[in-house]
Amino acid sequence: MLEPTDRIIVALDGMGAEQAMDLARAVPELRWVKVGLELFVAAGPVVVQQLRDQGKRVFLDLKFHDIPATMAGACRSAARLGAELITVHACAGVDALRAAQEAALDSALAAGLPAPTLLAVTVLTSWQQARFAAELAIAEPVVDYVPRMAQLAVAAGIGGCVCSPLEVAALRAAHPQPFALVTPGIRPAGAVLGDQQRVMTPAQALTAGASQLVIGRPITAAPDPAAAFAACCRELEQGSGDQ
């Protein structure tokens, strides 16, 4: 059973390296941080090591999507940095997912680092059904497309998925623990939705079967990030039940 502080991954989106380090220091109880494309491109791979030097565990959310050899090389490098969660797009296909998985595990083992868990991205939480069909020409409803992408991840031996909290219950029913379900689109009650369309509160997502929750601006943009983080932890404690 994970503690609430292990369940919450704080997204350092929209930050530079110095701001990310300051935020990490400002929330002493914080255990997990997410480094996404914006921060990684601005600060480089060194930001992962700097965060790890603070004792933080890193979710490297770069959403790799390429041919199998390139995805394997990227995940090999990501694992060597010490990232413990790494995202790849499920729609890259089973061969690419399997190559990425094997490369990441081999790289971590060779470096004496913890084995990372690869997370397959199913459908980005910013998509709405109408736009998904119109812009991508995918007629299959998101509610059906997501489990199909999750099944590709399972077939490739991937350790989990990133998905909207609204899809967690169905995915958890099909894929019990230890298959990880990491959910962005988490907004505490009363928080602004921003660019996330398919959202839940932390307690709702945990009850639905999420393993870990990605929370960004409700914590990072709060006047007191440590207090906001603590409030989210309290919500999980109160709503966790028998999770």
Protein backbone atom coordinates (compact mmCIF):
# COMPACT_ATOMS: atom_id res chain seq x y z
CA MET A 1 0.00 0.00 0.00
CA LEU A 2 1.54 3.29 -1.11
CA GLU A 3 1.54 6.33 1.11
CA PRO A 4 -0.22 9.45 -0.27
CA THR A 5 3.17 11.09 -0.73
CA ASP A 6 4.16 8.22 -3.05
CA ARG A 7 0.91 8.47 -5.00
CA ILE A 8 1.30 12.10 -6.08
CA ILE A 9 3.67 13.08 -8.89
CA VAL A 10 4.10 16.85 -9.16
CA ALA A 11 4.44 18.06 -12.75
CA LEU A 12 7.16 20.67 -13.16
CA ASP A 13 5.64 21.87 -16.43
CA GLY A 14 6.34 25.40 -17.64
CA MET A 15 9.41 25.80 -15.43
CA GLY A 16 13.09 26.42 -16.03
CA ALA A 17 15.74 24.47 -14.16
CA GLU A 18 16.16 26.96 -11.31
CA GLN A 19 12.43 27.29 -10.75
CA ALA A 20 12.02 23.50 -10.78
CA MET A 21 14.77 23.09 -8.17
CA ASP A 22 13.22 25.80 -6.02
CA LEU A 23 9.80 24.13 -6.18
CA ALA A 24 11.28 20.74 -5.28
CA ARG A 25 13.04 22.27 -2.28
CA ALA A 26 9.91 24.15 -1.24
CA VAL A 27 7.93 20.91 -0.78
CA PRO A 28 10.07 18.75 1.54
CA GLU A 29 7.54 15.89 1.59
CA LEU A 30 7.50 15.65 -2.20
CA ARG A 31 8.84 12.31 -3.44
CA TRP A 32 7.98 12.20 -7.16
CA VAL A 33 8.36 14.87 -9.85
CA LYS A 34 7.49 14.83 -13.53
CA VAL A 35 9.97 16.25 -16.02
CA GLY A 36 8.20 16.91 -19.31
CA LEU A 37 9.29 18.12 -22.72
CA GLU A 38 9.33 21.81 -21.88
CA LEU A 39 11.64 21.51 -18.87
CA PHE A 40 13.80 18.81 -20.45
CA VAL A 41 14.42 20.85 -23.61
CA ALA A 42 15.12 24.00 -21.60
CA ALA A 43 17.40 22.47 -18.98
CA GLY A 44 18.75 19.29 -20.59
CA PRO A 45 19.33 15.83 -19.13
CA VAL A 46 21.23 17.30 -16.18
CA VAL A 47 17.93 18.41 -14.63
CA VAL A 48 17.06 14.76 -13.97
CA GLN A 49 20.29 14.25 -12.04
CA GLN A 50 19.81 17.52 -10.13
CA LEU A 51 16.37 16.44 -9.00
CA ARG A 52 17.63 13.00 -8.05
CA ASP A 53 20.40 14.67 -6.04
CA GLN A 54 17.58 16.28 -4.02
CA GLY A 55 16.24 12.82 -3.30
CA LYS A 56 13.36 13.07 -5.77
CA ARG A 57 12.22 10.20 -7.96
CA VAL A 58 11.76 11.21 -11.57
CA PHE A 59 8.95 10.52 -14.03
CA LEU A 60 10.47 11.42 -17.41
CA ASP A 61 7.48 12.28 -19.56
CA LEU A 62 8.88 12.70 -23.09
CA LYS A 63 6.33 10.43 -24.80
CA PHE A 64 8.72 8.67 -27.17
CA HIS A 65 7.15 7.70 -30.50
CA ASP A 66 9.43 6.52 -33.30
CA ILE A 67 10.73 3.43 -35.04
CA PRO A 68 11.77 0.56 -32.74
CA ALA A 69 15.53 1.21 -32.88
CA THR A 70 15.14 4.89 -32.07
CA MET A 71 12.72 4.27 -29.23
CA ALA A 72 15.08 1.66 -27.81
CA GLY A 73 17.98 4.12 -27.92
CA ALA A 74 15.95 6.88 -26.31
CA CYS A 75 14.71 4.65 -23.49
CA ARG A 76 18.20 3.27 -22.97
CA SER A 77 19.47 6.82 -22.39
CA ALA A 78 16.49 7.77 -20.22
CA ALA A 79 17.05 4.77 -17.95
CA ARG A 80 20.74 5.62 -17.67
CA LEU A 81 19.73 9.04 -16.32
CA GLY A 82 17.94 7.35 -13.44
CA ALA A 83 14.37 8.04 -14.55
CA GLU A 84 12.07 5.51 -12.88
CA LEU A 85 8.96 6.17 -15.00
CA ILE A 86 9.31 6.76 -18.75
CA THR A 87 6.50 7.44 -21.22
CA VAL A 88 6.18 5.98 -24.71
CA HIS A 89 3.25 6.22 -27.12
CA ALA A 90 1.30 2.97 -27.35
CA CYS A 91 0.44 3.73 -30.97
CA ALA A 92 4.11 3.18 -31.89
CA GLY A 93 3.17 -0.51 -31.93
CA VAL A 94 4.16 -3.70 -30.14
CA ASP A 95 7.60 -4.06 -31.75
CA ALA A 96 8.67 -0.55 -30.76
CA LEU A 97 7.25 -0.92 -27.25
CA ARG A 98 9.00 -4.22 -26.72
CA ALA A 99 12.33 -2.82 -27.97
CA ALA A 100 11.99 0.19 -25.70
CA GLN A 101 11.20 -1.99 -22.69
CA GLU A 102 14.15 -4.31 -23.18
CA ALA A 103 16.58 -1.46 -23.76
CA ALA A 104 15.46 0.44 -20.67
CA LEU A 105 15.78 -2.57 -18.38
CA ASP A 106 19.19 -3.57 -19.76
CA SER A 107 20.50 -0.01 -19.42
CA ALA A 108 19.35 0.41 -15.83
CA LEU A 109 20.81 -2.95 -14.86
CA ALA A 110 24.17 -2.10 -16.44
CA ALA A 111 24.25 1.24 -14.59
CA GLY A 112 23.25 -0.27 -11.25
CA LEU A 113 20.05 1.81 -11.17
CA PRO A 114 16.46 0.86 -10.30
CA ALA A 115 14.60 -0.83 -13.12
CA PRO A 116 12.31 1.78 -14.69
CA THR A 117 8.66 1.25 -15.49
CA LEU A 118 7.64 2.21 -19.00
CA LEU A 119 4.19 3.77 -19.28
CA ALA A 120 2.33 3.63 -22.56
CA VAL A 121 0.36 6.76 -23.42
CA THR A 122 -3.11 5.81 -24.64
CA VAL A 123 -4.94 9.05 -25.53
CA LEU A 124 -3.78 12.49 -24.40
CA THR A 125 -6.13 14.00 -21.84
CA SER A 126 -6.50 17.19 -23.91
CA TRP A 127 -8.46 15.34 -26.61
CA GLN A 128 -12.23 15.57 -26.78
CA GLN A 129 -14.21 12.95 -28.69
CA ALA A 130 -15.41 15.23 -31.50
CA ARG A 131 -11.93 16.62 -32.20
CA PHE A 132 -10.38 13.17 -31.88
CA ALA A 133 -12.60 11.89 -34.69
CA ALA A 134 -12.47 14.99 -36.89
CA GLU A 135 -8.77 15.82 -36.72
CA LEU A 136 -7.26 12.33 -36.55
CA ALA A 137 -9.91 10.62 -38.70
CA ILE A 138 -10.31 7.93 -36.02
CA ALA A 139 -13.96 6.96 -35.88
CA GLU A 140 -13.50 4.57 -32.96
CA PRO A 141 -14.72 6.22 -29.74
CA VAL A 142 -12.03 7.19 -27.26
CA VAL A 143 -13.64 4.86 -24.73
CA ASP A 144 -12.88 1.92 -27.04
CA TYR A 145 -9.57 3.18 -28.43
CA VAL A 146 -7.97 3.56 -24.99
CA PRO A 147 -8.31 -0.12 -23.92
CA ARG A 148 -7.05 -1.24 -27.32
CA MET A 149 -3.89 0.85 -26.82
CA ALA A 150 -3.54 -0.51 -23.29
CA GLN A 151 -3.72 -4.05 -24.64
CA LEU A 152 -0.82 -3.28 -27.00
CA ALA A 153 1.21 -2.24 -23.96
CA VAL A 154 0.36 -5.47 -22.16
CA ALA A 155 1.29 -7.53 -25.22
CA ALA A 156 4.69 -5.81 -25.30
CA GLY A 157 5.35 -6.37 -21.60
CA ILE A 158 5.09 -2.69 -20.70
CA GLY A 159 4.54 -2.08 -16.99
CA GLY A 160 1.64 0.33 -17.21
CA CYS A 161 -0.24 3.10 -18.96
CA VAL A 162 -0.87 6.79 -18.76
CA CYS A 163 -4.56 7.46 -19.19
CA SER A 164 -7.34 9.84 -18.31
CA PRO A 165 -8.79 9.24 -14.84
CA LEU A 166 -12.14 8.70 -16.56
CA GLU A 167 -10.75 5.53 -18.16
CA VAL A 168 -9.06 4.16 -15.04
CA ALA A 169 -11.91 2.01 -13.72
CA ALA A 170 -12.35 0.08 -16.96
CA LEU A 171 -8.61 -0.39 -17.43
CA ARG A 172 -8.13 -1.51 -13.85
CA ALA A 173 -10.89 -4.09 -14.23
CA ALA A 174 -9.07 -5.51 -17.25
CA HIS A 175 -5.52 -5.11 -15.93
CA PRO A 176 -5.14 -5.64 -12.16
CA GLN A 177 -2.14 -4.62 -10.09
CA PRO A 178 0.81 -4.54 -10.48
CA PHE A 179 -0.02 -3.02 -13.88
CA ALA A 180 0.45 0.71 -13.23
CA LEU A 181 -2.17 3.28 -14.18
CA VAL A 182 -0.80 6.80 -13.93
CA THR A 183 -3.33 9.56 -14.42
CA PRO A 184 -2.85 13.20 -15.39
CA GLY A 185 -5.92 15.42 -15.55
CA ILE A 186 -6.19 15.49 -11.76
CA ARG A 187 -7.78 18.59 -10.31
CA PRO A 188 -8.72 19.06 -6.64
CA ALA A 189 -12.31 20.17 -6.11
CA GLY A 190 -12.74 23.78 -7.19
CA ALA A 191 -9.50 23.97 -9.19
CA VAL A 192 -9.35 25.53 -12.67
CA LEU A 193 -9.41 22.91 -15.44
CA GLY A 194 -6.99 24.70 -17.79
CA ASP A 195 -6.26 22.62 -20.91
CA GLN A 196 -7.36 19.35 -19.32
CA GLN A 197 -10.78 18.14 -20.43
CA ARG A 198 -11.21 14.69 -18.86
CA VAL A 199 -10.55 15.21 -15.17
CA MET A 200 -11.23 13.84 -11.65
CA THR A 201 -10.34 14.82 -8.12
CA PRO A 202 -7.43 12.95 -6.47
CA ALA A 203 -9.72 10.85 -4.27
CA GLN A 204 -11.99 9.95 -7.18
CA ALA A 205 -9.07 8.80 -9.33
CA LEU A 206 -7.57 6.72 -6.55
CA THR A 207 -10.91 5.07 -5.85
CA ALA A 208 -11.27 4.30 -9.56
CA GLY A 209 -8.02 2.34 -9.48
CA ALA A 210 -5.22 4.76 -10.31
CA SER A 211 -1.75 3.84 -9.09
CA GLN A 212 -0.31 7.36 -9.09
CA LEU A 213 -1.67 10.81 -9.87
CA VAL A 214 0.01 13.60 -11.81
CA ILE A 215 -0.84 17.03 -10.41
CA GLY A 216 0.68 20.24 -11.73
CA ARG A 217 -0.67 23.75 -11.47
CA PRO A 218 -3.00 23.18 -8.49
CA ILE A 219 0.23 22.62 -6.52
CA THR A 220 2.95 24.45 -8.45
CA ALA A 221 0.93 27.64 -8.99
CA ALA A 222 -0.47 27.73 -5.46
CA PRO A 223 0.61 30.56 -3.14
CA ASP A 224 1.97 27.86 -0.82
CA PRO A 225 2.91 24.74 -2.84
CA ALA A 226 3.77 22.75 0.28
CA ALA A 227 0.34 23.43 1.77
CA ALA A 228 -1.36 22.55 -1.53
CA PHE A 229 0.61 19.29 -1.70
CA ALA A 230 -0.34 18.47 1.88
CA ALA A 231 -4.01 19.17 1.12
CA CYS A 232 -3.93 16.71 -1.78
CA CYS A 233 -2.32 14.10 0.47
CA ARG A 234 -5.04 14.60 3.07
CA GLU A 235 -7.71 14.15 0.41
CA LEU A 236 -6.12 10.83 -0.57
CA GLU A 237 -5.95 9.69 3.04
CA GLN A 238 -9.62 10.52 3.58
CA GLY A 239 -10.78 8.93 0.32
CA SER A 240 -8.45 5.97 -0.02
CA GLY A 241 -10.67 3.40 1.71
CA ASP A 242 -9.09 0.01 1.14
CA GLN A 243 -6.82 1.06 -1.73
